[in-house]
């Protein structure tokens, strides 16, 4: 006797379909729980909170009084200072290379004068 036959053995009738209850109360409760439960991330003194409506992270006022805007301003200022120092370093390196070239040329002239 095959297991998967098309013929029905016995009198197995179809069971009546069940009606689904309203799920609106469940979804509203889930949404309320999600809104109450904000996703927070704390790194040292910085606390970031995820806004699920916009899909972005934002920071609250920190314990030290610094927030993202002041950190960005400080970062830009430090980058500008770093660029100025790199430029000064390049100028000084060019001056050193020029002086060493002059010194090498003077040394060759001295050797030529001594050889005469």
PDB file of N, CA and C in Angstrom:
ATOM      1  N   UNK A   1       0.830  -1.170   0.000  1.00  0.00           N
ATOM      2  CA  UNK A   1       0.000   0.000   0.000  1.00  0.00           C
ATOM      3  C   UNK A   1       0.885   1.248   0.000  1.00  0.00           C
ATOM      4  N   UNK A   2       0.768   2.100  -1.003  1.00  0.00           N
ATOM      5  CA  UNK A   2       1.637   3.263  -1.087  1.00  0.00           C
ATOM      6  C   UNK A   2       1.272   4.314  -0.031  1.00  0.00           C
ATOM      7  N   UNK A   3       2.296   5.033   0.396  1.00  0.00           N
ATOM      8  CA  UNK A   3       2.081   6.054   1.418  1.00  0.00           C
ATOM      9  C   UNK A   3       1.393   7.299   0.864  1.00  0.00           C
ATOM     10  N   UNK A   4       1.760   7.675  -0.314  1.00  0.00           N
ATOM     11  CA  UNK A   4       1.234   8.914  -0.902  1.00  0.00           C
ATOM     12  C   UNK A   4       0.284   8.606  -2.046  1.00  0.00           C
ATOM     13  N   UNK A   5      -0.778   8.033  -1.717  1.00  0.00           N
ATOM     14  CA  UNK A   5      -1.740   7.715  -2.781  1.00  0.00           C
ATOM     15  C   UNK A   5      -2.788   8.808  -2.863  1.00  0.00           C
ATOM     16  N   UNK A   6      -3.422   8.929  -4.033  1.00  0.00           N
ATOM     17  CA  UNK A   6      -4.428   9.955  -4.236  1.00  0.00           C
ATOM     18  C   UNK A   6      -5.771   9.541  -3.654  1.00  0.00           C
ATOM     19  N   UNK A   7      -5.940   8.273  -3.428  1.00  0.00           N
ATOM     20  CA  UNK A   7      -7.207   7.787  -2.891  1.00  0.00           C
ATOM     21  C   UNK A   7      -7.206   7.972  -1.388  1.00  0.00           C
ATOM     22  N   UNK A   8      -8.356   8.370  -0.860  1.00  0.00           N
ATOM     23  CA  UNK A   8      -8.478   8.551   0.580  1.00  0.00           C
ATOM     24  C   UNK A   8      -8.886   7.231   1.206  1.00  0.00           C
ATOM     25  N   UNK A   9      -8.222   6.942   2.276  1.00  0.00           N
ATOM     26  CA  UNK A   9      -8.559   5.749   3.025  1.00  0.00           C
ATOM     27  C   UNK A   9      -9.452   6.177   4.191  1.00  0.00           C
ATOM     28  N   UNK A  10     -10.570   5.626   4.352  1.00  0.00           N
ATOM     29  CA  UNK A  10     -11.460   5.965   5.447  1.00  0.00           C
ATOM     30  C   UNK A  10     -12.266   7.215   5.123  1.00  0.00           C
ATOM     31  N   UNK A  11     -12.905   7.762   6.122  1.00  0.00           N
ATOM     32  CA  UNK A  11     -13.739   8.942   5.899  1.00  0.00           C
ATOM     33  C   UNK A  11     -13.125  10.153   6.596  1.00  0.00           C
ATOM     34  N   UNK A  12     -12.055  10.643   6.010  1.00  0.00           N
ATOM     35  CA  UNK A  12     -11.437  11.851   6.535  1.00  0.00           C
ATOM     36  C   UNK A  12     -12.039  13.034   5.789  1.00  0.00           C
ATOM     37  N   UNK A  13     -12.795  13.832   6.454  1.00  0.00           N
ATOM     38  CA  UNK A  13     -13.395  14.988   5.814  1.00  0.00           C
ATOM     39  C   UNK A  13     -12.506  16.209   6.022  1.00  0.00           C
ATOM     40  N   UNK A  14     -12.783  17.221   5.260  1.00  0.00           N
ATOM     41  CA  UNK A  14     -12.010  18.438   5.412  1.00  0.00           C
ATOM     42  C   UNK A  14     -12.450  19.136   6.687  1.00  0.00           C
ATOM     43  N   UNK A  15     -11.463  19.658   7.392  1.00  0.00           N
ATOM     44  CA  UNK A  15     -11.804  20.394   8.605  1.00  0.00           C
ATOM     45  C   UNK A  15     -12.217  21.805   8.217  1.00  0.00           C
ATOM     46  N   UNK A  16     -13.087  22.423   8.976  1.00  0.00           N
ATOM     47  CA  UNK A  16     -13.520  23.774   8.613  1.00  0.00           C
ATOM     48  C   UNK A  16     -12.379  24.773   8.797  1.00  0.00           C
ATOM     49  N   UNK A  17     -12.358  25.786   7.939  1.00  0.00           N
ATOM     50  CA  UNK A  17     -11.312  26.789   8.017  1.00  0.00           C
ATOM     51  C   UNK A  17     -11.540  27.668   9.230  1.00  0.00           C
ATOM     52  N   UNK A  18     -10.439  28.053   9.860  1.00  0.00           N
ATOM     53  CA  UNK A  18     -10.531  28.936  11.021  1.00  0.00           C
ATOM     54  C   UNK A  18     -10.463  30.374  10.564  1.00  0.00           C
ATOM     55  N   UNK A  19     -11.178  31.204  11.271  1.00  0.00           N
ATOM     56  CA  UNK A  19     -11.133  32.623  10.956  1.00  0.00           C
ATOM     57  C   UNK A  19     -10.051  33.269  11.819  1.00  0.00           C
ATOM     58  N   UNK A  20      -9.273  34.104  11.179  1.00  0.00           N
ATOM     59  CA  UNK A  20      -8.207  34.795  11.902  1.00  0.00           C
ATOM     60  C   UNK A  20      -8.808  35.937  12.705  1.00  0.00           C
ATOM     61  N   UNK A  21      -8.357  36.063  13.947  1.00  0.00           N
ATOM     62  CA  UNK A  21      -8.812  37.156  14.796  1.00  0.00           C
ATOM     63  C   UNK A  21      -8.112  38.446  14.409  1.00  0.00           C
ATOM     64  N   UNK A  22      -8.554  39.524  14.959  1.00  0.00           N
ATOM     65  CA  UNK A  22      -7.973  40.824  14.648  1.00  0.00           C
ATOM     66  C   UNK A  22      -6.585  40.924  15.268  1.00  0.00           C
ATOM     67  N   UNK A  23      -5.606  41.291  14.465  1.00  0.00           N
ATOM     68  CA  UNK A  23      -4.237  41.441  14.942  1.00  0.00           C
ATOM     69  C   UNK A  23      -3.875  42.897  15.194  1.00  0.00           C
ATOM     70  N   UNK A  24      -4.843  43.800  15.006  1.00  0.00           N
ATOM     71  CA  UNK A  24      -4.529  45.224  15.145  1.00  0.00           C
ATOM     72  C   UNK A  24      -4.102  45.574  16.563  1.00  0.00           C
ATOM     73  N   UNK A  25      -4.693  44.939  17.560  1.00  0.00           N
ATOM     74  CA  UNK A  25      -4.306  45.243  18.939  1.00  0.00           C
ATOM     75  C   UNK A  25      -2.886  44.768  19.220  1.00  0.00           C
ATOM     76  N   UNK A  26      -2.481  43.656  18.604  1.00  0.00           N
ATOM     77  CA  UNK A  26      -1.123  43.156  18.812  1.00  0.00           C
ATOM     78  C   UNK A  26      -0.097  44.065  18.166  1.00  0.00           C
ATOM     79  N   UNK A  27      -0.365  44.532  16.963  1.00  0.00           N
ATOM     80  CA  UNK A  27       0.610  45.384  16.284  1.00  0.00           C
ATOM     81  C   UNK A  27       0.745  46.729  16.981  1.00  0.00           C
ATOM     82  N   UNK A  28      -0.345  47.282  17.479  1.00  0.00           N
ATOM     83  CA  UNK A  28      -0.236  48.568  18.168  1.00  0.00           C
ATOM     84  C   UNK A  28       0.563  48.415  19.456  1.00  0.00           C
ATOM     85  N   UNK A  29       0.414  47.282  20.139  1.00  0.00           N
ATOM     86  CA  UNK A  29       1.199  47.046  21.354  1.00  0.00           C
ATOM     87  C   UNK A  29       2.675  46.898  21.018  1.00  0.00           C
ATOM     88  N   UNK A  30       2.981  46.201  19.908  1.00  0.00           N
ATOM     89  CA  UNK A  30       4.374  46.036  19.495  1.00  0.00           C
ATOM     90  C   UNK A  30       5.000  47.374  19.127  1.00  0.00           C
ATOM     91  N   UNK A  31       4.248  48.226  18.425  1.00  0.00           N
ATOM     92  CA  UNK A  31       4.761  49.533  18.045  1.00  0.00           C
ATOM     93  C   UNK A  31       5.015  50.399  19.275  1.00  0.00           C
ATOM     94  N   UNK A  32       4.119  50.304  20.238  1.00  0.00           N
ATOM     95  CA  UNK A  32       4.289  51.098  21.454  1.00  0.00           C
ATOM     96  C   UNK A  32       5.512  50.626  22.229  1.00  0.00           C
ATOM     97  N   UNK A  33       5.725  49.315  22.289  1.00  0.00           N
ATOM     98  CA  UNK A  33       6.917  48.779  22.962  1.00  0.00           C
ATOM     99  C   UNK A  33       8.182  49.242  22.254  1.00  0.00           C
ATOM    100  N   UNK A  34       8.164  49.252  20.926  1.00  0.00           N
ATOM    101  CA  UNK A  34       9.337  49.685  20.154  1.00  0.00           C
ATOM    102  C   UNK A  34       9.620  51.162  20.390  1.00  0.00           C
ATOM    103  N   UNK A  35       8.567  51.977  20.508  1.00  0.00           N
ATOM    104  CA  UNK A  35       8.767  53.396  20.765  1.00  0.00           C
ATOM    105  C   UNK A  35       9.281  53.641  22.178  1.00  0.00           C
ATOM    106  N   UNK A  36       8.807  52.872  23.135  1.00  0.00           N
ATOM    107  CA  UNK A  36       9.258  53.028  24.523  1.00  0.00           C
ATOM    108  C   UNK A  36      10.695  52.571  24.690  1.00  0.00           C
ATOM    109  N   UNK A  37      11.087  51.587  23.899  1.00  0.00           N
ATOM    110  CA  UNK A  37      12.403  50.987  24.040  1.00  0.00           C
ATOM    111  C   UNK A  37      13.334  51.573  22.978  1.00  0.00           C
ATOM    112  N   UNK A  38      13.960  52.699  23.280  1.00  0.00           N
ATOM    113  CA  UNK A  38      14.870  53.347  22.340  1.00  0.00           C
ATOM    114  C   UNK A  38      16.214  52.631  22.365  1.00  0.00           C
ATOM    115  N   UNK A  39      16.840  52.544  21.223  1.00  0.00           N
ATOM    116  CA  UNK A  39      18.142  51.906  21.093  1.00  0.00           C
ATOM    117  C   UNK A  39      19.216  52.923  21.433  1.00  0.00           C
ATOM    118  N   UNK A  40      19.999  52.628  22.468  1.00  0.00           N
ATOM    119  CA  UNK A  40      21.030  53.556  22.929  1.00  0.00           C
ATOM    120  C   UNK A  40      22.387  52.877  22.871  1.00  0.00           C
ATOM    121  N   UNK A  41      23.394  53.679  22.549  1.00  0.00           N
ATOM    122  CA  UNK A  41      24.768  53.198  22.479  1.00  0.00           C
ATOM    123  C   UNK A  41      25.628  54.180  23.246  1.00  0.00           C
ATOM    124  N   UNK A  42      26.381  53.664  24.218  1.00  0.00           N
ATOM    125  CA  UNK A  42      27.216  54.545  25.019  1.00  0.00           C
ATOM    126  C   UNK A  42      28.680  54.183  24.814  1.00  0.00           C
ATOM    127  N   UNK A  43      29.456  55.191  24.375  1.00  0.00           N
ATOM    128  CA  UNK A  43      30.886  55.061  24.168  1.00  0.00           C
ATOM    129  C   UNK A  43      31.565  56.082  25.061  1.00  0.00           C
ATOM    130  N   UNK A  44      32.233  55.630  26.093  1.00  0.00           N
ATOM    131  CA  UNK A  44      32.831  56.498  27.104  1.00  0.00           C
ATOM    132  C   UNK A  44      31.771  57.457  27.639  1.00  0.00           C
ATOM    133  N   UNK A  45      31.953  58.757  27.412  1.00  0.00           N
ATOM    134  CA  UNK A  45      30.989  59.733  27.913  1.00  0.00           C
ATOM    135  C   UNK A  45      29.920  60.065  26.879  1.00  0.00           C
ATOM    136  N   UNK A  46      30.064  59.576  25.670  1.00  0.00           N
ATOM    137  CA  UNK A  46      29.134  59.894  24.588  1.00  0.00           C
ATOM    138  C   UNK A  46      28.011  58.872  24.546  1.00  0.00           C
ATOM    139  N   UNK A  47      26.790  59.370  24.454  1.00  0.00           N
ATOM    140  CA  UNK A  47      25.636  58.488  24.338  1.00  0.00           C
ATOM    141  C   UNK A  47      24.897  58.808  23.056  1.00  0.00           C
ATOM    142  N   UNK A  48      24.740  57.803  22.204  1.00  0.00           N
ATOM    143  CA  UNK A  48      24.031  57.957  20.933  1.00  0.00           C
ATOM    144  C   UNK A  48      22.684  57.245  21.030  1.00  0.00           C
ATOM    145  N   UNK A  49      21.658  57.867  20.471  1.00  0.00           N
ATOM    146  CA  UNK A  49      20.314  57.298  20.496  1.00  0.00           C
ATOM    147  C   UNK A  49      19.839  57.164  19.058  1.00  0.00           C
ATOM    148  N   UNK A  50      19.271  55.993  18.720  1.00  0.00           N
ATOM    149  CA  UNK A  50      18.786  55.731  17.365  1.00  0.00           C
ATOM    150  C   UNK A  50      17.330  56.143  17.271  1.00  0.00           C
ATOM    151  N   UNK A  51      17.017  56.984  16.293  1.00  0.00           N
ATOM    152  CA  UNK A  51      15.650  57.408  16.033  1.00  0.00           C
ATOM    153  C   UNK A  51      15.090  56.516  14.940  1.00  0.00           C
ATOM    154  N   UNK A  52      14.138  55.648  15.297  1.00  0.00           N
ATOM    155  CA  UNK A  52      13.626  54.675  14.338  1.00  0.00           C
ATOM    156  C   UNK A  52      12.747  55.323  13.274  1.00  0.00           C
ATOM    157  N   UNK A  53      12.206  56.499  13.549  1.00  0.00           N
ATOM    158  CA  UNK A  53      11.357  57.144  12.539  1.00  0.00           C
ATOM    159  C   UNK A  53      12.186  57.708  11.399  1.00  0.00           C
ATOM    160  N   UNK A  54      13.351  58.303  11.710  1.00  0.00           N
ATOM    161  CA  UNK A  54      14.210  58.864  10.661  1.00  0.00           C
ATOM    162  C   UNK A  54      15.302  57.895  10.244  1.00  0.00           C
ATOM    163  N   UNK A  55      15.615  56.931  11.100  1.00  0.00           N
ATOM    164  CA  UNK A  55      16.663  55.970  10.786  1.00  0.00           C
ATOM    165  C   UNK A  55      18.057  56.524  10.987  1.00  0.00           C
ATOM    166  N   UNK A  56      18.201  57.526  11.871  1.00  0.00           N
ATOM    167  CA  UNK A  56      19.503  58.140  12.094  1.00  0.00           C
ATOM    168  C   UNK A  56      19.844  58.134  13.580  1.00  0.00           C
ATOM    169  N   UNK A  57      21.144  58.250  13.838  1.00  0.00           N
ATOM    170  CA  UNK A  57      21.651  58.331  15.203  1.00  0.00           C
ATOM    171  C   UNK A  57      21.822  59.800  15.567  1.00  0.00           C
ATOM    172  N   UNK A  58      21.536  60.154  16.807  1.00  0.00           N
ATOM    173  CA  UNK A  58      21.812  61.491  17.303  1.00  0.00           C
ATOM    174  C   UNK A  58      22.338  61.387  18.722  1.00  0.00           C
ATOM    175  N   UNK A  59      23.020  62.440  19.160  1.00  0.00           N
ATOM    176  CA  UNK A  59      23.623  62.391  20.488  1.00  0.00           C
ATOM    177  C   UNK A  59      22.930  63.371  21.413  1.00  0.00           C
ATOM    178  N   UNK A  60      22.855  62.991  22.648  1.00  0.00           N
ATOM    179  CA  UNK A  60      22.325  63.860  23.683  1.00  0.00           C
ATOM    180  C   UNK A  60      23.462  64.704  24.213  1.00  0.00           C
ATOM    181  N   UNK A  61      23.144  65.689  25.048  1.00  0.00           N
ATOM    182  CA  UNK A  61      24.199  66.485  25.679  1.00  0.00           C
ATOM    183  C   UNK A  61      25.019  65.560  26.565  1.00  0.00           C
ATOM    184  N   UNK A  62      26.317  65.624  26.413  1.00  0.00           N
ATOM    185  CA  UNK A  62      27.197  64.710  27.125  1.00  0.00           C
ATOM    186  C   UNK A  62      27.501  65.212  28.529  1.00  0.00           C
ATOM    187  N   UNK A  63      28.100  64.348  29.315  1.00  0.00           N
ATOM    188  CA  UNK A  63      28.453  64.682  30.683  1.00  0.00           C
ATOM    189  C   UNK A  63      29.495  65.792  30.701  1.00  0.00           C
ATOM    190  N   UNK A  64      30.452  65.734  29.806  1.00  0.00           N
ATOM    191  CA  UNK A  64      31.515  66.732  29.758  1.00  0.00           C
ATOM    192  C   UNK A  64      31.077  68.045  29.140  1.00  0.00           C
ATOM    193  N   UNK A  65      29.868  68.140  28.636  1.00  0.00           N
ATOM    194  CA  UNK A  65      29.382  69.376  28.044  1.00  0.00           C
ATOM    195  C   UNK A  65      29.721  69.508  26.570  1.00  0.00           C
ATOM    196  N   UNK A  66      30.397  68.539  25.990  1.00  0.00           N
ATOM    197  CA  UNK A  66      30.716  68.605  24.564  1.00  0.00           C
ATOM    198  C   UNK A  66      29.671  67.813  23.794  1.00  0.00           C
ATOM    199  N   UNK A  67      29.267  68.346  22.688  1.00  0.00           N
ATOM    200  CA  UNK A  67      28.339  67.609  21.845  1.00  0.00           C
ATOM    201  C   UNK A  67      28.938  67.465  20.454  1.00  0.00           C
ATOM    202  N   UNK A  68      28.182  66.911  19.556  1.00  0.00           N
ATOM    203  CA  UNK A  68      28.713  66.602  18.225  1.00  0.00           C
ATOM    204  C   UNK A  68      29.119  67.864  17.466  1.00  0.00           C
ATOM    205  N   UNK A  69      28.374  68.952  17.611  1.00  0.00           N
ATOM    206  CA  UNK A  69      28.690  70.175  16.860  1.00  0.00           C
ATOM    207  C   UNK A  69      30.031  70.755  17.293  1.00  0.00           C
ATOM    208  N   UNK A  70      30.285  70.799  18.582  1.00  0.00           N
ATOM    209  CA  UNK A  70      31.563  71.349  19.049  1.00  0.00           C
ATOM    210  C   UNK A  70      32.712  70.426  18.683  1.00  0.00           C
ATOM    211  N   UNK A  71      32.460  69.130  18.690  1.00  0.00           N
ATOM    212  CA  UNK A  71      33.513  68.192  18.290  1.00  0.00           C
ATOM    213  C   UNK A  71      33.847  68.345  16.809  1.00  0.00           C
ATOM    214  N   UNK A  72      32.831  68.591  15.985  1.00  0.00           N
ATOM    215  CA  UNK A  72      33.079  68.800  14.555  1.00  0.00           C
ATOM    216  C   UNK A  72      33.896  70.070  14.327  1.00  0.00           C
ATOM    217  N   UNK A  73      33.540  71.149  15.051  1.00  0.00           N
ATOM    218  CA  UNK A  73      34.283  72.402  14.916  1.00  0.00           C
ATOM    219  C   UNK A  73      35.732  72.216  15.338  1.00  0.00           C
ATOM    220  N   UNK A  74      35.935  71.513  16.436  1.00  0.00           N
ATOM    221  CA  UNK A  74      37.290  71.272  16.924  1.00  0.00           C
ATOM    222  C   UNK A  74      38.064  70.402  15.934  1.00  0.00           C
ATOM    223  N   UNK A  75      37.396  69.435  15.341  1.00  0.00           N
ATOM    224  CA  UNK A  75      38.033  68.567  14.354  1.00  0.00           C
ATOM    225  C   UNK A  75      38.480  69.373  13.137  1.00  0.00           C
ATOM    226  N   UNK A  76      37.625  70.273  12.652  1.00  0.00           N
ATOM    227  CA  UNK A  76      37.981  71.108  11.498  1.00  0.00           C
ATOM    228  C   UNK A  76      39.166  72.003  11.834  1.00  0.00           C
ATOM    229  N   UNK A  77      39.160  72.599  13.032  1.00  0.00           N
ATOM    230  CA  UNK A  77      40.259  73.457  13.459  1.00  0.00           C
ATOM    231  C   UNK A  77      41.573  72.679  13.524  1.00  0.00           C
ATOM    232  N   UNK A  78      41.529  71.481  14.074  1.00  0.00           N
ATOM    233  CA  UNK A  78      42.742  70.660  14.169  1.00  0.00           C
ATOM    234  C   UNK A  78      43.238  70.226  12.794  1.00  0.00           C
ATOM    235  N   UNK A  79      42.334  69.953  11.871  1.00  0.00           N
ATOM    236  CA  UNK A  79      42.744  69.593  10.515  1.00  0.00           C
ATOM    237  C   UNK A  79      43.432  70.764   9.822  1.00  0.00           C
ATOM    238  N   UNK A  80      42.910  71.971  10.024  1.00  0.00           N
ATOM    239  CA  UNK A  80      43.540  73.155   9.431  1.00  0.00           C
ATOM    240  C   UNK A  80      44.931  73.383  10.012  1.00  0.00           C
ATOM    241  N   UNK A  81      45.066  73.212  11.328  1.00  0.00           N
ATOM    242  CA  UNK A  81      46.378  73.364  11.962  1.00  0.00           C
ATOM    243  C   UNK A  81      47.345  72.301  11.454  1.00  0.00           C
ATOM    244  N   UNK A  82      46.861  71.100  11.281  1.00  0.00           N
ATOM    245  CA  UNK A  82      47.702  70.012  10.785  1.00  0.00           C
ATOM    246  C   UNK A  82      48.182  70.308   9.363  1.00  0.00           C
ATOM    247  N   UNK A  83      47.287  70.835   8.523  1.00  0.00           N
ATOM    248  CA  UNK A  83      47.678  71.187   7.153  1.00  0.00           C
ATOM    249  C   UNK A  83      48.732  72.293   7.149  1.00  0.00           C
ATOM    250  N   UNK A  84      48.582  73.292   8.037  1.00  0.00           N
ATOM    251  CA  UNK A  84      49.565  74.381   8.114  1.00  0.00           C
ATOM    252  C   UNK A  84      50.925  73.845   8.557  1.00  0.00           C
ATOM    253  N   UNK A  85      50.925  72.935   9.516  1.00  0.00           N
ATOM    254  CA  UNK A  85      52.195  72.354   9.982  1.00  0.00           C
ATOM    255  C   UNK A  85      52.849  71.500   8.898  1.00  0.00           C
ATOM    256  N   UNK A  86      52.054  70.793   8.119  1.00  0.00           N
ATOM    257  CA  UNK A  86      52.616  70.007   7.013  1.00  0.00           C
ATOM    258  C   UNK A  86      53.264  70.913   5.979  1.00  0.00           C
ATOM    259  N   UNK A  87      52.613  72.048   5.697  1.00  0.00           N
ATOM    260  CA  UNK A  87      53.166  73.006   4.745  1.00  0.00           C
ATOM    261  C   UNK A  87      54.480  73.582   5.257  1.00  0.00           C
ATOM    262  N   UNK A  88      54.539  73.946   6.533  1.00  0.00           N
ATOM    263  CA  UNK A  88      55.778  74.460   7.127  1.00  0.00           C
ATOM    264  C   UNK A  88      56.886  73.412   7.067  1.00  0.00           C
ATOM    265  N   UNK A  89      56.534  72.172   7.336  1.00  0.00           N
ATOM    266  CA  UNK A  89      57.507  71.081   7.290  1.00  0.00           C
ATOM    267  C   UNK A  89      58.065  70.918   5.875  1.00  0.00           C
ATOM    268  N   UNK A  90      57.193  70.980   4.864  1.00  0.00           N
ATOM    269  CA  UNK A  90      57.649  70.864   3.473  1.00  0.00           C
ATOM    270  C   UNK A  90      58.604  72.008   3.101  1.00  0.00           C
ATOM    271  N   UNK A  91      58.274  73.220   3.544  1.00  0.00           N
ATOM    272  CA  UNK A  91      59.143  74.372   3.247  1.00  0.00           C
ATOM    273  C   UNK A  91      60.516  74.193   3.887  1.00  0.00           C
ATOM    274  N   UNK A  92      60.525  73.766   5.151  1.00  0.00           N
ATOM    275  CA  UNK A  92      61.803  73.559   5.837  1.00  0.00           C
ATOM    276  C   UNK A  92      62.621  72.439   5.193  1.00  0.00           C
ATOM    277  N   UNK A  93      61.955  71.381   4.764  1.00  0.00           N
ATOM    278  CA  UNK A  93      62.668  70.280   4.096  1.00  0.00           C
ATOM    279  C   UNK A  93      63.278  70.758   2.776  1.00  0.00           C
ATOM    280  N   UNK A  94      62.547  71.575   2.022  1.00  0.00           N
ATOM    281  CA  UNK A  94      63.089  72.137   0.773  1.00  0.00           C
ATOM    282  C   UNK A  94      64.310  73.013   1.056  1.00  0.00           C
ATOM    283  N   UNK A  95      64.252  73.797   2.144  1.00  0.00           N
ATOM    284  CA  UNK A  95      65.384  74.646   2.503  1.00  0.00           C
ATOM    285  C   UNK A  95      66.607  73.798   2.861  1.00  0.00           C
ATOM    286  N   UNK A  96      66.392  72.721   3.593  1.00  0.00           N
ATOM    287  CA  UNK A  96      67.502  71.839   3.986  1.00  0.00           C
ATOM    288  C   UNK A  96      68.122  71.195   2.757  1.00  0.00           C
ATOM    289  N   UNK A  97      67.293  70.733   1.818  1.00  0.00           N
ATOM    290  CA  UNK A  97      67.813  70.104   0.598  1.00  0.00           C
ATOM    291  C   UNK A  97      68.635  71.118  -0.192  1.00  0.00           C
ATOM    292  N   UNK A  98      68.136  72.354  -0.286  1.00  0.00           N
ATOM    293  CA  UNK A  98      68.879  73.396  -1.001  1.00  0.00           C
ATOM    294  C   UNK A  98      70.218  73.692  -0.343  1.00  0.00           C
ATOM    295  N   UNK A  99      70.238  73.788   0.980  1.00  0.00           N
ATOM    296  CA  UNK A  99      71.484  74.064   1.699  1.00  0.00           C
ATOM    297  C   UNK A  99      72.491  72.920   1.546  1.00  0.00           C
ATOM    298  N   UNK A 100      72.006  71.687   1.571  1.00  0.00           N
ATOM    299  CA  UNK A 100      72.919  70.544   1.402  1.00  0.00           C
ATOM    300  C   UNK A 100      73.499  70.521   0.002  1.00  0.00           C
ATOM    301  N   UNK A 101      72.680  70.898  -0.994  1.00  0.00           N
ATOM    302  CA  UNK A 101      73.188  70.953  -2.365  1.00  0.00           C
ATOM    303  C   UNK A 101      74.253  72.034  -2.487  1.00  0.00           C
ATOM    304  N   UNK A 102      74.005  73.207  -1.876  1.00  0.00           N
ATOM    305  CA  UNK A 102      75.000  74.284  -1.889  1.00  0.00           C
ATOM    306  C   UNK A 102      76.280  73.851  -1.190  1.00  0.00           C
ATOM    307  N   UNK A 103      76.149  73.164  -0.071  1.00  0.00           N
ATOM    308  CA  UNK A 103      77.317  72.695   0.682  1.00  0.00           C
ATOM    309  C   UNK A 103      78.127  71.690  -0.130  1.00  0.00           C
ATOM    310  N   UNK A 104      77.428  70.793  -0.823  1.00  0.00           N
ATOM    311  CA  UNK A 104      78.134  69.812  -1.651  1.00  0.00           C
ATOM    312  C   UNK A 104      78.877  70.505  -2.785  1.00  0.00           C
ATOM    313  N   UNK A 105      78.285  71.533  -3.391  1.00  0.00           N
ATOM    314  CA  UNK A 105      78.923  72.253  -4.473  1.00  0.00           C
ATOM    315  C   UNK A 105      80.145  73.022  -3.943  1.00  0.00           C
ATOM    316  N   UNK A 106      80.031  73.637  -2.782  1.00  0.00           N
ATOM    317  CA  UNK A 106      81.165  74.354  -2.186  1.00  0.00           C
ATOM    318  C   UNK A 106      82.297  73.388  -1.854  1.00  0.00           C
ATOM    319  N   UNK A 107      81.933  72.189  -1.397  1.00  0.00           N
ATOM    320  CA  UNK A 107      82.957  71.180  -1.105  1.00  0.00           C
ATOM    321  C   UNK A 107      83.714  70.771  -2.348  1.00  0.00           C
ATOM    322  N   UNK A 108      83.019  70.622  -3.477  1.00  0.00           N
ATOM    323  CA  UNK A 108      83.686  70.267  -4.733  1.00  0.00           C
ATOM    324  C   UNK A 108      84.588  71.407  -5.195  1.00  0.00           C
ATOM    325  N   UNK A 109      84.149  72.653  -5.020  1.00  0.00           N
ATOM    326  CA  UNK A 109      84.979  73.802  -5.400  1.00  0.00           C
ATOM    327  C   UNK A 109      86.253  73.848  -4.555  1.00  0.00           C
ATOM    328  N   UNK A 110      86.106  73.568  -3.267  1.00  0.00           N
ATOM    329  CA  UNK A 110      87.280  73.552  -2.377  1.00  0.00           C
ATOM    330  C   UNK A 110      88.252  72.471  -2.798  1.00  0.00           C
ATOM    331  N   UNK A 111      87.734  71.286  -3.124  1.00  0.00           N
ATOM    332  CA  UNK A 111      88.604  70.202  -3.577  1.00  0.00           C
ATOM    333  C   UNK A 111      89.319  70.581  -4.870  1.00  0.00           C
ATOM    334  N   UNK A 112      88.601  71.290  -5.744  1.00  0.00           N
ATOM    335  CA  UNK A 112      89.214  71.706  -7.020  1.00  0.00           C
ATOM    336  C   UNK A 112      90.301  72.732  -6.777  1.00  0.00           C
ATOM    337  N   UNK A 113      90.085  73.659  -5.829  1.00  0.00           N
ATOM    338  CA  UNK A 113      91.097  74.675  -5.517  1.00  0.00           C
ATOM    339  C   UNK A 113      92.307  74.017  -4.856  1.00  0.00           C
ATOM    340  N   UNK A 114      92.102  73.083  -3.981  1.00  0.00           N
ATOM    341  CA  UNK A 114      93.213  72.395  -3.308  1.00  0.00           C
ATOM    342  C   UNK A 114      94.027  71.586  -4.300  1.00  0.00           C
ATOM    343  N   UNK A 115      93.378  71.053  -5.288  1.00  0.00           N
ATOM    344  CA  UNK A 115      94.052  70.235  -6.274  1.00  0.00           C
ATOM    345  C   UNK A 115      94.915  71.040  -7.223  1.00  0.00           C
ATOM    346  N   UNK A 116      94.714  72.301  -7.312  1.00  0.00           N
ATOM    347  CA  UNK A 116      95.485  73.140  -8.236  1.00  0.00           C
ATOM    348  C   UNK A 116      96.806  73.449  -7.659  1.00  0.00           C
TER     349      UNK A 116
END
